[in-house]
Amino acid sequence: MKKIKNTKIYLFFLKYIFIPIYSFFWEYIINFKGKIYKIIFCIKKKNSEYIRFENSSKKLVKDNSELKLLTKKINSQLSSEFIDEKINYIKSDEYKQEKKRGVNQAQAVSPYLLDIWDYMNEDLKREIVEFATSDFMIKTACNYLGVFPILTQIEINLNIPSGNQPRSAQLWHRDDLGYKSFNLFLALSKVDENNGPFITLKEKDPLNIFYRIKKEIDSGLTGERGKILDKDFNYFIHNNKNNNLLKLEGDPGTGLFIDTFRNYHKGGHCKTKHRLVLRFLYLTPDSLHNFEQEESLRKNNKKYLLSKDFFKNYLFRDRDKIISKFKIHEKLFKFYHMVSIKK
């Protein structure tokens, strides 16, 4: 099988035959219910604004009034004293010990990240959830995914400088959890080279998730599975590599919409300054994401939703029972790896 995968015939088969057929199957069979709800929602909201992707899996947005307004509301609640307090907490032995007890040992080496969502006041959380469940965001997610999503995570991540050696999510990787995902990364602070911009590749990956970089690091630490050092990452990077890098840089309110399943990316390696980024993650029921383990987290976020609208509430649903019962998400994950080219 390895020999077959290394042939041009297999590459042609993947790109022009398998991927188009499987994409149809994924959208209309595996996610049939989500497809129906997406169609109904988009008909009902036909006049609503949304971001168009034009056959891409990423888009940098710099001057969207809704993103800028949300950023302004969040920043009005974040004092410099509060940020300094959280930075000191990240640097503390207490936080380091807490990270060692967690699932990401790589971050525990020198902690650099704290999700401050739980520290936000209730009114601000409600405004953020309202935006994450707005017609604008739902329609944008539906437009990219092709099916109605599940709102999986809301995070406000504070990253701080943590030394010269990048680790964990600061290294090149893809979120290896399924076939398609939809994220919004929204800069709450000004982002430049000194505070770890989110970086991905400009070029569209012609093989979606079915090409994998072979030379992954072997640190033995959880949190670094599938991660790749800069020196070993040459996928779509040519001689003038900076021309093929897309970076979330700019003023507060700059947003990057991206599929982190399909795009190699890295970020958060701050050099001299901290950064603040809001993240919304929308997935589909067939992804490997642990919906069951995070059920209480999603339900806690749902309590901020005041609307009785069916579609907004449907964003917080559980994984489909059929998918759970037959462990379809786990079988698909193994299938993706079996089919993929790895070089």
C-alpha atoms as a PDB file:
ATOM      1  CA  MET A   1       0.000   0.000   0.000  1.00  0.00           C
ATOM      2  CA  LYS A   2       2.877   2.401   0.806  1.00  0.00           C
ATOM      3  CA  LYS A   3       4.339   1.885  -2.655  1.00  0.00           C
ATOM      4  CA  ILE A   4       0.978   2.587  -4.274  1.00  0.00           C
ATOM      5  CA  LYS A   5       0.576   5.797  -2.253  1.00  0.00           C
ATOM      6  CA  ASN A   6       3.893   7.094  -3.560  1.00  0.00           C
ATOM      7  CA  THR A   7       2.789   6.898  -7.184  1.00  0.00           C
ATOM      8  CA  LYS A   8       1.476   9.762  -9.309  1.00  0.00           C
ATOM      9  CA  ILE A   9      -1.527   7.615 -10.181  1.00  0.00           C
ATOM     10  CA  TYR A  10      -2.587   7.485  -6.525  1.00  0.00           C
ATOM     11  CA  LEU A  11      -2.087  11.240  -6.190  1.00  0.00           C
ATOM     12  CA  PHE A  12      -4.277  11.782  -9.259  1.00  0.00           C
ATOM     13  CA  PHE A  13      -6.878   9.364  -7.882  1.00  0.00           C
ATOM     14  CA  LEU A  14      -7.016  11.180  -4.526  1.00  0.00           C
ATOM     15  CA  LYS A  15      -7.212  14.663  -5.970  1.00  0.00           C
ATOM     16  CA  TYR A  16      -9.612  14.209  -8.863  1.00  0.00           C
ATOM     17  CA  ILE A  17     -11.698  11.155  -8.022  1.00  0.00           C
ATOM     18  CA  PHE A  18     -11.691  10.216  -4.346  1.00  0.00           C
ATOM     19  CA  ILE A  19     -11.885  13.669  -2.735  1.00  0.00           C
ATOM     20  CA  PRO A  20     -14.813  14.975  -4.873  1.00  0.00           C
ATOM     21  CA  ILE A  21     -16.764  11.751  -4.297  1.00  0.00           C
ATOM     22  CA  TYR A  22     -15.997  11.595  -0.573  1.00  0.00           C
ATOM     23  CA  SER A  23     -16.808  15.296  -0.067  1.00  0.00           C
ATOM     24  CA  PHE A  24     -20.266  14.653  -1.515  1.00  0.00           C
ATOM     25  CA  PHE A  25     -20.662  11.563   0.663  1.00  0.00           C
ATOM     26  CA  TRP A  26     -19.513  13.445   3.800  1.00  0.00           C
ATOM     27  CA  GLU A  27     -21.899  16.324   3.190  1.00  0.00           C
ATOM     28  CA  TYR A  28     -25.010  14.514   1.960  1.00  0.00           C
ATOM     29  CA  ILE A  29     -24.806  11.124   3.705  1.00  0.00           C
ATOM     30  CA  ILE A  30     -22.712  11.308   6.890  1.00  0.00           C
ATOM     31  CA  ASN A  31     -24.057  14.783   7.713  1.00  0.00           C
ATOM     32  CA  PHE A  32     -27.435  14.411   6.023  1.00  0.00           C
ATOM     33  CA  LYS A  33     -29.398  15.908   8.941  1.00  0.00           C
ATOM     34  CA  GLY A  34     -26.991  18.828   9.199  1.00  0.00           C
ATOM     35  CA  LYS A  35     -27.312  19.396   5.445  1.00  0.00           C
ATOM     36  CA  ILE A  36     -31.101  19.643   5.674  1.00  0.00           C
ATOM     37  CA  TYR A  37     -30.955  22.103   8.592  1.00  0.00           C
ATOM     38  CA  LYS A  38     -28.313  24.153   6.776  1.00  0.00           C
ATOM     39  CA  ILE A  39     -30.536  24.469   3.696  1.00  0.00           C
ATOM     40  CA  ILE A  40     -33.586  25.454   5.770  1.00  0.00           C
ATOM     41  CA  PHE A  41     -31.583  27.964   7.828  1.00  0.00           C
ATOM     42  CA  CYS A  42     -30.031  29.621   4.780  1.00  0.00           C
ATOM     43  CA  ILE A  43     -33.423  29.923   3.089  1.00  0.00           C
ATOM     44  CA  LYS A  44     -34.874  31.560   6.207  1.00  0.00           C
ATOM     45  CA  LYS A  45     -31.867  33.865   6.534  1.00  0.00           C
ATOM     46  CA  LYS A  46     -31.362  34.571   2.838  1.00  0.00           C
ATOM     47  CA  ASN A  47     -30.970  38.311   3.474  1.00  0.00           C
ATOM     48  CA  SER A  48     -28.451  37.928   6.302  1.00  0.00           C
ATOM     49  CA  GLU A  49     -24.852  38.997   5.771  1.00  0.00           C
ATOM     50  CA  TYR A  50     -22.041  36.436   5.960  1.00  0.00           C
ATOM     51  CA  ILE A  51     -18.406  35.893   4.938  1.00  0.00           C
ATOM     52  CA  ARG A  52     -17.870  34.214   1.558  1.00  0.00           C
ATOM     53  CA  PHE A  53     -14.894  31.906   1.095  1.00  0.00           C
ATOM     54  CA  GLU A  54     -14.735  31.610  -2.690  1.00  0.00           C
ATOM     55  CA  ASN A  55     -13.516  28.001  -2.697  1.00  0.00           C
ATOM     56  CA  SER A  56     -10.920  28.636   0.009  1.00  0.00           C
ATOM     57  CA  SER A  57     -10.531  27.226   3.522  1.00  0.00           C
ATOM     58  CA  LYS A  58      -9.226  30.434   5.120  1.00  0.00           C
ATOM     59  CA  LYS A  59      -9.895  34.160   4.973  1.00  0.00           C
ATOM     60  CA  LEU A  60      -8.267  37.110   6.723  1.00  0.00           C
ATOM     61  CA  VAL A  61     -10.753  39.882   7.515  1.00  0.00           C
ATOM     62  CA  LYS A  62      -9.427  43.279   8.624  1.00  0.00           C
ATOM     63  CA  ASP A  63     -12.268  45.766   8.409  1.00  0.00           C
ATOM     64  CA  ASN A  64     -15.471  44.052   9.491  1.00  0.00           C
ATOM     65  CA  SER A  65     -17.589  46.371  11.622  1.00  0.00           C
ATOM     66  CA  GLU A  66     -19.201  43.515  13.602  1.00  0.00           C
ATOM     67  CA  LEU A  67     -15.838  41.995  14.536  1.00  0.00           C
ATOM     68  CA  LYS A  68     -14.487  45.393  15.552  1.00  0.00           C
ATOM     69  CA  LEU A  69     -17.543  46.129  17.708  1.00  0.00           C
ATOM     70  CA  LEU A  70     -17.265  42.786  19.521  1.00  0.00           C
ATOM     71  CA  THR A  71     -13.544  43.391  20.097  1.00  0.00           C
ATOM     72  CA  LYS A  72     -14.275  46.830  21.566  1.00  0.00           C
ATOM     73  CA  LYS A  73     -16.859  45.368  23.968  1.00  0.00           C
ATOM     74  CA  ILE A  74     -14.466  42.690  25.207  1.00  0.00           C
ATOM     75  CA  ASN A  75     -11.514  45.054  25.612  1.00  0.00           C
ATOM     76  CA  SER A  76     -13.633  47.476  27.632  1.00  0.00           C
ATOM     77  CA  GLN A  77     -13.812  44.744  30.308  1.00  0.00           C
ATOM     78  CA  LEU A  78     -10.092  43.883  30.300  1.00  0.00           C
ATOM     79  CA  SER A  79      -8.053  46.206  32.489  1.00  0.00           C
ATOM     80  CA  SER A  80      -4.246  46.242  32.427  1.00  0.00           C
ATOM     81  CA  GLU A  81      -4.314  45.214  36.113  1.00  0.00           C
ATOM     82  CA  PHE A  82      -6.412  42.149  35.289  1.00  0.00           C
ATOM     83  CA  ILE A  83      -4.088  41.121  32.441  1.00  0.00           C
ATOM     84  CA  ASP A  84      -0.980  41.607  34.616  1.00  0.00           C
ATOM     85  CA  GLU A  85      -2.564  39.441  37.317  1.00  0.00           C
ATOM     86  CA  LYS A  86      -3.209  36.619  34.840  1.00  0.00           C
ATOM     87  CA  ILE A  87       0.280  36.890  33.358  1.00  0.00           C
ATOM     88  CA  ASN A  88       1.756  36.477  36.842  1.00  0.00           C
ATOM     89  CA  TYR A  89      -0.505  33.483  37.382  1.00  0.00           C
ATOM     90  CA  ILE A  90       0.727  31.803  34.171  1.00  0.00           C
ATOM     91  CA  LYS A  91       4.302  32.305  35.420  1.00  0.00           C
ATOM     92  CA  SER A  92       3.562  30.897  38.880  1.00  0.00           C
ATOM     93  CA  ASP A  93       4.609  27.480  40.209  1.00  0.00           C
ATOM     94  CA  GLU A  94       0.950  26.878  41.059  1.00  0.00           C
ATOM     95  CA  TYR A  95      -0.073  27.114  37.403  1.00  0.00           C
ATOM     96  CA  LYS A  96       2.893  25.015  36.279  1.00  0.00           C
ATOM     97  CA  GLN A  97       1.877  22.228  38.651  1.00  0.00           C
ATOM     98  CA  GLU A  98      -1.702  22.498  37.428  1.00  0.00           C
ATOM     99  CA  LYS A  99      -0.554  22.084  33.812  1.00  0.00           C
ATOM    100  CA  LYS A 100       1.545  19.040  34.770  1.00  0.00           C
ATOM    101  CA  ARG A 101      -1.628  17.375  36.022  1.00  0.00           C
ATOM    102  CA  GLY A 102      -3.379  18.152  32.736  1.00  0.00           C
ATOM    103  CA  VAL A 103      -3.340  16.490  29.332  1.00  0.00           C
ATOM    104  CA  ASN A 104      -0.746  18.754  27.701  1.00  0.00           C
ATOM    105  CA  GLN A 105       2.679  17.995  29.162  1.00  0.00           C
ATOM    106  CA  ALA A 106       4.415  20.110  26.494  1.00  0.00           C
ATOM    107  CA  GLN A 107       2.770  23.276  27.791  1.00  0.00           C
ATOM    108  CA  ALA A 108       3.760  22.383  31.357  1.00  0.00           C
ATOM    109  CA  VAL A 109       7.474  22.647  30.465  1.00  0.00           C
ATOM    110  CA  SER A 110       7.128  26.432  30.396  1.00  0.00           C
ATOM    111  CA  PRO A 111       3.465  27.510  30.487  1.00  0.00           C
ATOM    112  CA  TYR A 112       2.544  30.198  28.006  1.00  0.00           C
ATOM    113  CA  LEU A 113      -1.251  30.034  27.623  1.00  0.00           C
ATOM    114  CA  LEU A 114      -4.324  30.671  29.761  1.00  0.00           C
ATOM    115  CA  ASP A 115      -7.963  30.639  28.642  1.00  0.00           C
ATOM    116  CA  ILE A 116      -9.504  33.554  30.571  1.00  0.00           C
ATOM    117  CA  TRP A 117     -13.090  32.880  29.446  1.00  0.00           C
ATOM    118  CA  ASP A 118     -14.158  31.754  32.923  1.00  0.00           C
ATOM    119  CA  TYR A 119     -12.930  35.045  34.400  1.00  0.00           C
ATOM    120  CA  MET A 120     -15.242  37.175  32.255  1.00  0.00           C
ATOM    121  CA  ASN A 121     -18.357  38.688  33.798  1.00  0.00           C
ATOM    122  CA  GLU A 122     -21.749  37.192  33.011  1.00  0.00           C
ATOM    123  CA  ASP A 123     -22.994  40.084  30.871  1.00  0.00           C
ATOM    124  CA  LEU A 124     -19.912  39.979  28.641  1.00  0.00           C
ATOM    125  CA  LYS A 125     -20.183  36.198  28.271  1.00  0.00           C
ATOM    126  CA  ARG A 126     -23.783  36.646  27.186  1.00  0.00           C
ATOM    127  CA  GLU A 127     -22.796  39.198  24.522  1.00  0.00           C
ATOM    128  CA  ILE A 128     -20.036  36.929  23.206  1.00  0.00           C
ATOM    129  CA  VAL A 129     -22.349  33.892  23.048  1.00  0.00           C
ATOM    130  CA  GLU A 130     -24.960  36.018  21.288  1.00  0.00           C
ATOM    131  CA  PHE A 131     -22.366  36.908  18.652  1.00  0.00           C
ATOM    132  CA  ALA A 132     -21.175  33.293  18.310  1.00  0.00           C
ATOM    133  CA  THR A 133     -24.815  32.287  17.693  1.00  0.00           C
ATOM    134  CA  SER A 134     -25.703  35.276  15.503  1.00  0.00           C
ATOM    135  CA  ASP A 135     -27.117  34.836  12.013  1.00  0.00           C
ATOM    136  CA  PHE A 136     -23.837  36.287  10.717  1.00  0.00           C
ATOM    137  CA  MET A 137     -21.677  33.608  12.362  1.00  0.00           C
ATOM    138  CA  ILE A 138     -24.046  30.676  11.772  1.00  0.00           C
ATOM    139  CA  LYS A 139     -24.502  31.525   8.100  1.00  0.00           C
ATOM    140  CA  THR A 140     -20.743  32.012   7.646  1.00  0.00           C
ATOM    141  CA  ALA A 141     -20.070  28.611   9.258  1.00  0.00           C
ATOM    142  CA  CYS A 142     -22.807  26.958   7.159  1.00  0.00           C
ATOM    143  CA  ASN A 143     -21.435  28.596   4.018  1.00  0.00           C
ATOM    144  CA  TYR A 144     -18.015  27.029   4.581  1.00  0.00           C
ATOM    145  CA  LEU A 145     -18.932  23.649   6.087  1.00  0.00           C
ATOM    146  CA  GLY A 146     -21.899  23.015   3.814  1.00  0.00           C
ATOM    147  CA  VAL A 147     -23.822  21.637   6.820  1.00  0.00           C
ATOM    148  CA  PHE A 148     -25.213  22.996  10.084  1.00  0.00           C
ATOM    149  CA  PRO A 149     -22.482  22.953  12.765  1.00  0.00           C
ATOM    150  CA  ILE A 150     -22.109  22.434  16.507  1.00  0.00           C
ATOM    151  CA  LEU A 151     -20.615  25.345  18.455  1.00  0.00           C
ATOM    152  CA  THR A 152     -17.927  23.455  20.334  1.00  0.00           C
ATOM    153  CA  GLN A 153     -15.656  25.973  22.024  1.00  0.00           C
ATOM    154  CA  ILE A 154     -15.476  29.616  23.025  1.00  0.00           C
ATOM    155  CA  GLU A 155     -12.072  30.697  24.339  1.00  0.00           C
ATOM    156  CA  ILE A 156     -10.248  33.917  25.130  1.00  0.00           C
ATOM    157  CA  ASN A 157      -6.611  32.915  25.072  1.00  0.00           C
ATOM    158  CA  LEU A 158      -3.870  34.934  26.737  1.00  0.00           C
ATOM    159  CA  ASN A 159      -0.402  34.010  25.429  1.00  0.00           C
ATOM    160  CA  ILE A 160       2.813  35.261  27.008  1.00  0.00           C
ATOM    161  CA  PRO A 161       6.530  35.016  26.108  1.00  0.00           C
ATOM    162  CA  SER A 162       7.962  31.698  27.289  1.00  0.00           C
ATOM    163  CA  GLY A 163      11.486  31.419  25.899  1.00  0.00           C
ATOM    164  CA  ASN A 164      13.076  30.863  22.516  1.00  0.00           C
ATOM    165  CA  GLN A 165      12.025  27.243  22.059  1.00  0.00           C
ATOM    166  CA  PRO A 166       8.499  26.889  20.570  1.00  0.00           C
ATOM    167  CA  ARG A 167       6.440  23.943  21.769  1.00  0.00           C
ATOM    168  CA  SER A 168       3.007  22.362  21.489  1.00  0.00           C
ATOM    169  CA  ALA A 169       0.618  24.504  19.365  1.00  0.00           C
ATOM    170  CA  GLN A 170       3.486  26.927  18.633  1.00  0.00           C
ATOM    171  CA  LEU A 171       4.823  24.300  16.206  1.00  0.00           C
ATOM    172  CA  TRP A 172       3.454  23.463  12.753  1.00  0.00           C
ATOM    173  CA  HIS A 173       0.485  21.079  12.925  1.00  0.00           C
ATOM    174  CA  ARG A 174      -3.057  20.428  11.832  1.00  0.00           C
ATOM    175  CA  ASP A 175      -5.900  19.713  14.249  1.00  0.00           C
ATOM    176  CA  ASP A 176      -6.193  16.049  13.350  1.00  0.00           C
ATOM    177  CA  LEU A 177      -9.789  15.487  14.466  1.00  0.00           C
ATOM    178  CA  GLY A 178     -11.870  15.021  11.350  1.00  0.00           C
ATOM    179  CA  TYR A 179     -12.706  16.075   7.817  1.00  0.00           C
ATOM    180  CA  LYS A 180     -13.772  19.693   8.150  1.00  0.00           C
ATOM    181  CA  SER A 181     -13.819  22.406  10.836  1.00  0.00           C
ATOM    182  CA  PHE A 182     -14.567  26.108  11.078  1.00  0.00           C
ATOM    183  CA  ASN A 183     -12.795  28.579  13.376  1.00  0.00           C
ATOM    184  CA  LEU A 184     -12.759  32.285  14.003  1.00  0.00           C
ATOM    185  CA  PHE A 185      -9.568  33.634  15.561  1.00  0.00           C
ATOM    186  CA  LEU A 186     -10.150  37.272  16.502  1.00  0.00           C
ATOM    187  CA  ALA A 187      -7.263  39.507  17.620  1.00  0.00           C
ATOM    188  CA  LEU A 188      -8.238  41.404  20.774  1.00  0.00           C
ATOM    189  CA  SER A 189      -4.814  43.037  21.059  1.00  0.00           C
ATOM    190  CA  LYS A 190      -2.603  44.426  18.312  1.00  0.00           C
ATOM    191  CA  VAL A 191      -0.690  41.466  16.857  1.00  0.00           C
ATOM    192  CA  ASP A 192       2.720  41.592  15.176  1.00  0.00           C
ATOM    193  CA  GLU A 193       5.875  39.482  14.984  1.00  0.00           C
ATOM    194  CA  ASN A 194       6.654  40.171  18.642  1.00  0.00           C
ATOM    195  CA  ASN A 195       3.562  38.524  20.100  1.00  0.00           C
ATOM    196  CA  GLY A 196       3.119  35.315  18.195  1.00  0.00           C
ATOM    197  CA  PRO A 197       0.781  35.785  15.227  1.00  0.00           C
ATOM    198  CA  PHE A 198      -1.271  32.805  14.104  1.00  0.00           C
ATOM    199  CA  ILE A 199       0.449  31.598  10.917  1.00  0.00           C
ATOM    200  CA  THR A 200      -0.840  29.370   8.125  1.00  0.00           C
ATOM    201  CA  LEU A 201      -0.168  28.857   4.404  1.00  0.00           C
ATOM    202  CA  LYS A 202      -1.743  30.993   1.698  1.00  0.00           C
ATOM    203  CA  GLU A 203      -1.993  28.166  -0.809  1.00  0.00           C
ATOM    204  CA  LYS A 204      -4.987  25.886  -0.779  1.00  0.00           C
ATOM    205  CA  ASP A 205      -4.125  22.288   0.035  1.00  0.00           C
ATOM    206  CA  PRO A 206      -5.274  20.269  -3.016  1.00  0.00           C
ATOM    207  CA  LEU A 207      -5.510  17.088  -0.912  1.00  0.00           C
ATOM    208  CA  ASN A 208      -7.495  18.556   1.998  1.00  0.00           C
ATOM    209  CA  ILE A 209      -6.599  16.380   5.017  1.00  0.00           C
ATOM    210  CA  PHE A 210      -5.097  13.555   2.969  1.00  0.00           C
ATOM    211  CA  TYR A 211      -1.483  14.750   2.896  1.00  0.00           C
ATOM    212  CA  ARG A 212       0.601  14.544   6.071  1.00  0.00           C
ATOM    213  CA  ILE A 213       4.148  15.626   6.850  1.00  0.00           C
ATOM    214  CA  LYS A 214       6.117  12.532   7.789  1.00  0.00           C
ATOM    215  CA  LYS A 215       8.863  14.086   9.929  1.00  0.00           C
ATOM    216  CA  GLU A 216       6.956  14.771  13.148  1.00  0.00           C
ATOM    217  CA  ILE A 217       8.832  15.372  16.405  1.00  0.00           C
ATOM    218  CA  ASP A 218       9.093  12.603  18.956  1.00  0.00           C
ATOM    219  CA  SER A 219       9.428  14.431  22.276  1.00  0.00           C
ATOM    220  CA  GLY A 220       7.355  11.879  24.189  1.00  0.00           C
ATOM    221  CA  LEU A 221       5.241  14.720  25.606  1.00  0.00           C
ATOM    222  CA  THR A 222       1.474  14.853  25.266  1.00  0.00           C
ATOM    223  CA  GLY A 223       0.502  17.967  23.361  1.00  0.00           C
ATOM    224  CA  GLU A 224       3.228  17.465  20.746  1.00  0.00           C
ATOM    225  CA  ARG A 225       1.751  14.560  18.786  1.00  0.00           C
ATOM    226  CA  GLY A 226       1.781  15.484  15.113  1.00  0.00           C
ATOM    227  CA  LYS A 227       3.879  18.624  15.629  1.00  0.00           C
ATOM    228  CA  ILE A 228       6.627  19.594  13.158  1.00  0.00           C
ATOM    229  CA  LEU A 229       9.702  21.782  13.606  1.00  0.00           C
ATOM    230  CA  ASP A 230      10.223  24.736  11.261  1.00  0.00           C
ATOM    231  CA  LYS A 231      13.333  23.127   9.766  1.00  0.00           C
ATOM    232  CA  ASP A 232      11.346  20.012   8.810  1.00  0.00           C
ATOM    233  CA  PHE A 233       8.309  21.819   7.438  1.00  0.00           C
ATOM    234  CA  ASN A 234       8.584  22.441   3.699  1.00  0.00           C
ATOM    235  CA  TYR A 235       5.008  21.816   2.572  1.00  0.00           C
ATOM    236  CA  PHE A 236       4.120  24.528   0.021  1.00  0.00           C
ATOM    237  CA  ILE A 237       6.998  26.645   1.338  1.00  0.00           C
ATOM    238  CA  HIS A 238       9.294  27.687  -1.480  1.00  0.00           C
ATOM    239  CA  ASN A 239      12.494  29.741  -1.597  1.00  0.00           C
ATOM    240  CA  ASN A 240      10.777  32.974  -0.632  1.00  0.00           C
ATOM    241  CA  LYS A 241       8.672  31.360   2.049  1.00  0.00           C
ATOM    242  CA  ASN A 242       7.327  34.589   3.565  1.00  0.00           C
ATOM    243  CA  ASN A 243       5.311  35.194   0.393  1.00  0.00           C
ATOM    244  CA  ASN A 244       3.363  32.017   1.065  1.00  0.00           C
ATOM    245  CA  LEU A 245       2.551  32.662   4.720  1.00  0.00           C
ATOM    246  CA  LEU A 246      -0.762  34.098   5.851  1.00  0.00           C
ATOM    247  CA  LYS A 247      -0.549  35.722   9.291  1.00  0.00           C
ATOM    248  CA  LEU A 248      -3.147  37.003  11.719  1.00  0.00           C
ATOM    249  CA  GLU A 249      -1.477  40.370  12.201  1.00  0.00           C
ATOM    250  CA  GLY A 250      -2.912  43.829  12.614  1.00  0.00           C
ATOM    251  CA  ASP A 251      -5.069  45.976  14.832  1.00  0.00           C
ATOM    252  CA  PRO A 252      -7.596  44.672  17.351  1.00  0.00           C
ATOM    253  CA  GLY A 253     -10.653  43.416  15.480  1.00  0.00           C
ATOM    254  CA  THR A 254      -8.667  41.635  12.766  1.00  0.00           C
ATOM    255  CA  GLY A 255     -10.089  38.148  12.284  1.00  0.00           C
ATOM    256  CA  LEU A 256      -9.004  34.936  10.599  1.00  0.00           C
ATOM    257  CA  PHE A 257     -11.663  32.436   9.541  1.00  0.00           C
ATOM    258  CA  ILE A 258      -9.959  29.086   8.961  1.00  0.00           C
ATOM    259  CA  ASP A 259     -10.390  25.325   8.774  1.00  0.00           C
ATOM    260  CA  THR A 260      -7.695  24.056  11.151  1.00  0.00           C
ATOM    261  CA  PHE A 261      -8.295  20.435  10.094  1.00  0.00           C
ATOM    262  CA  ARG A 262      -7.209  21.181   6.523  1.00  0.00           C
ATOM    263  CA  ASN A 263      -4.559  23.852   7.050  1.00  0.00           C
ATOM    264  CA  TYR A 264      -1.175  23.405   8.643  1.00  0.00           C
ATOM    265  CA  HIS A 265      -0.715  26.248  11.123  1.00  0.00           C
ATOM    266  CA  LYS A 266       1.129  27.433  14.222  1.00  0.00           C
ATOM    267  CA  GLY A 267       0.983  30.416  16.545  1.00  0.00           C
ATOM    268  CA  GLY A 268       1.222  31.955  19.969  1.00  0.00           C
ATOM    269  CA  HIS A 269       5.006  31.942  20.242  1.00  0.00           C
ATOM    270  CA  CYS A 270       5.284  35.402  21.792  1.00  0.00           C
ATOM    271  CA  LYS A 271       8.756  36.964  21.818  1.00  0.00           C
ATOM    272  CA  THR A 272       8.485  40.151  23.867  1.00  0.00           C
ATOM    273  CA  LYS A 273       4.776  40.926  24.319  1.00  0.00           C
ATOM    274  CA  HIS A 274       1.599  39.086  25.296  1.00  0.00           C
ATOM    275  CA  ARG A 275      -1.366  38.663  22.980  1.00  0.00           C
ATOM    276  CA  LEU A 276      -5.107  38.132  23.408  1.00  0.00           C
ATOM    277  CA  VAL A 277      -7.177  36.156  20.887  1.00  0.00           C
ATOM    278  CA  LEU A 278     -10.836  35.119  20.951  1.00  0.00           C
ATOM    279  CA  ARG A 279     -11.618  31.758  19.359  1.00  0.00           C
ATOM    280  CA  PHE A 280     -14.906  30.228  18.233  1.00  0.00           C
ATOM    281  CA  LEU A 281     -14.785  26.590  17.078  1.00  0.00           C
ATOM    282  CA  TYR A 282     -17.600  25.022  15.048  1.00  0.00           C
ATOM    283  CA  LEU A 283     -17.494  21.299  14.236  1.00  0.00           C
ATOM    284  CA  THR A 284     -19.695  18.532  12.877  1.00  0.00           C
ATOM    285  CA  PRO A 285     -20.904  15.433  14.793  1.00  0.00           C
ATOM    286  CA  ASP A 286     -18.538  13.096  12.932  1.00  0.00           C
ATOM    287  CA  SER A 287     -15.358  14.788  14.207  1.00  0.00           C
ATOM    288  CA  LEU A 288     -13.181  13.080  16.812  1.00  0.00           C
ATOM    289  CA  HIS A 289     -13.665  15.983  19.220  1.00  0.00           C
ATOM    290  CA  ASN A 290     -14.787  14.753  22.639  1.00  0.00           C
ATOM    291  CA  PHE A 291     -18.305  16.196  22.701  1.00  0.00           C
ATOM    292  CA  GLU A 292     -19.298  13.885  25.540  1.00  0.00           C
ATOM    293  CA  GLN A 293     -16.490  15.005  27.861  1.00  0.00           C
ATOM    294  CA  GLU A 294     -17.174  18.685  27.186  1.00  0.00           C
ATOM    295  CA  GLU A 295     -20.963  18.418  27.400  1.00  0.00           C
ATOM    296  CA  SER A 296     -21.097  20.361  30.691  1.00  0.00           C
ATOM    297  CA  LEU A 297     -18.912  23.116  29.201  1.00  0.00           C
ATOM    298  CA  ARG A 298     -21.173  23.504  26.173  1.00  0.00           C
ATOM    299  CA  LYS A 299     -24.305  23.478  28.326  1.00  0.00           C
ATOM    300  CA  ASN A 300     -22.761  26.100  30.583  1.00  0.00           C
ATOM    301  CA  ASN A 301     -22.216  28.345  27.548  1.00  0.00           C
ATOM    302  CA  LYS A 302     -25.752  27.641  26.326  1.00  0.00           C
ATOM    303  CA  LYS A 303     -27.213  29.157  29.495  1.00  0.00           C
ATOM    304  CA  TYR A 304     -26.122  32.589  28.211  1.00  0.00           C
ATOM    305  CA  LEU A 305     -28.315  32.140  25.158  1.00  0.00           C
ATOM    306  CA  LEU A 306     -31.536  34.031  25.785  1.00  0.00           C
ATOM    307  CA  SER A 307     -33.084  33.326  22.405  1.00  0.00           C
ATOM    308  CA  LYS A 308     -35.626  30.518  21.955  1.00  0.00           C
ATOM    309  CA  ASP A 309     -34.731  30.292  18.266  1.00  0.00           C
ATOM    310  CA  PHE A 310     -34.458  26.636  17.257  1.00  0.00           C
ATOM    311  CA  PHE A 311     -31.338  27.046  15.145  1.00  0.00           C
ATOM    312  CA  LYS A 312     -29.380  28.936  17.808  1.00  0.00           C
ATOM    313  CA  ASN A 313     -30.191  26.239  20.361  1.00  0.00           C
ATOM    314  CA  TYR A 314     -29.388  23.512  17.840  1.00  0.00           C
ATOM    315  CA  LEU A 315     -25.794  24.770  17.815  1.00  0.00           C
ATOM    316  CA  PHE A 316     -25.347  23.255  21.285  1.00  0.00           C
ATOM    317  CA  ARG A 317     -26.662  19.779  20.481  1.00  0.00           C
ATOM    318  CA  ASP A 318     -24.863  16.525  21.326  1.00  0.00           C
ATOM    319  CA  ARG A 319     -23.257  14.145  18.872  1.00  0.00           C
ATOM    320  CA  ASP A 320     -25.802  12.168  16.822  1.00  0.00           C
ATOM    321  CA  LYS A 321     -26.778   8.926  18.563  1.00  0.00           C
ATOM    322  CA  ILE A 322     -26.128   6.772  15.498  1.00  0.00           C
ATOM    323  CA  ILE A 323     -22.597   8.169  15.173  1.00  0.00           C
ATOM    324  CA  SER A 324     -21.953   7.537  18.877  1.00  0.00           C
ATOM    325  CA  LYS A 325     -23.487   4.061  18.958  1.00  0.00           C
ATOM    326  CA  PHE A 326     -21.496   2.747  16.001  1.00  0.00           C
ATOM    327  CA  LYS A 327     -18.408   4.875  16.782  1.00  0.00           C
ATOM    328  CA  ILE A 328     -18.482   6.220  13.248  1.00  0.00           C
ATOM    329  CA  HIS A 329     -16.245   9.169  14.191  1.00  0.00           C
ATOM    330  CA  GLU A 330     -13.487   6.803  15.380  1.00  0.00           C
ATOM    331  CA  LYS A 331     -13.758   4.627  12.278  1.00  0.00           C
ATOM    332  CA  LEU A 332     -13.605   7.661  10.001  1.00  0.00           C
ATOM    333  CA  PHE A 333     -10.476   8.889  11.778  1.00  0.00           C
ATOM    334  CA  LYS A 334      -8.709   5.580  11.111  1.00  0.00           C
ATOM    335  CA  PHE A 335      -9.947   5.602   7.519  1.00  0.00           C
ATOM    336  CA  TYR A 336      -8.525   9.100   6.904  1.00  0.00           C
ATOM    337  CA  HIS A 337      -5.103   7.990   8.086  1.00  0.00           C
ATOM    338  CA  MET A 338      -5.246   4.815   6.009  1.00  0.00           C
ATOM    339  CA  VAL A 339      -6.020   6.753   2.811  1.00  0.00           C
ATOM    340  CA  SER A 340      -3.586   9.634   3.404  1.00  0.00           C
ATOM    341  CA  ILE A 341      -0.243  10.183   1.741  1.00  0.00           C
ATOM    342  CA  LYS A 342       2.556  10.729   4.247  1.00  0.00           C
ATOM    343  CA  LYS A 343       5.898  12.145   3.055  1.00  0.00           C
END
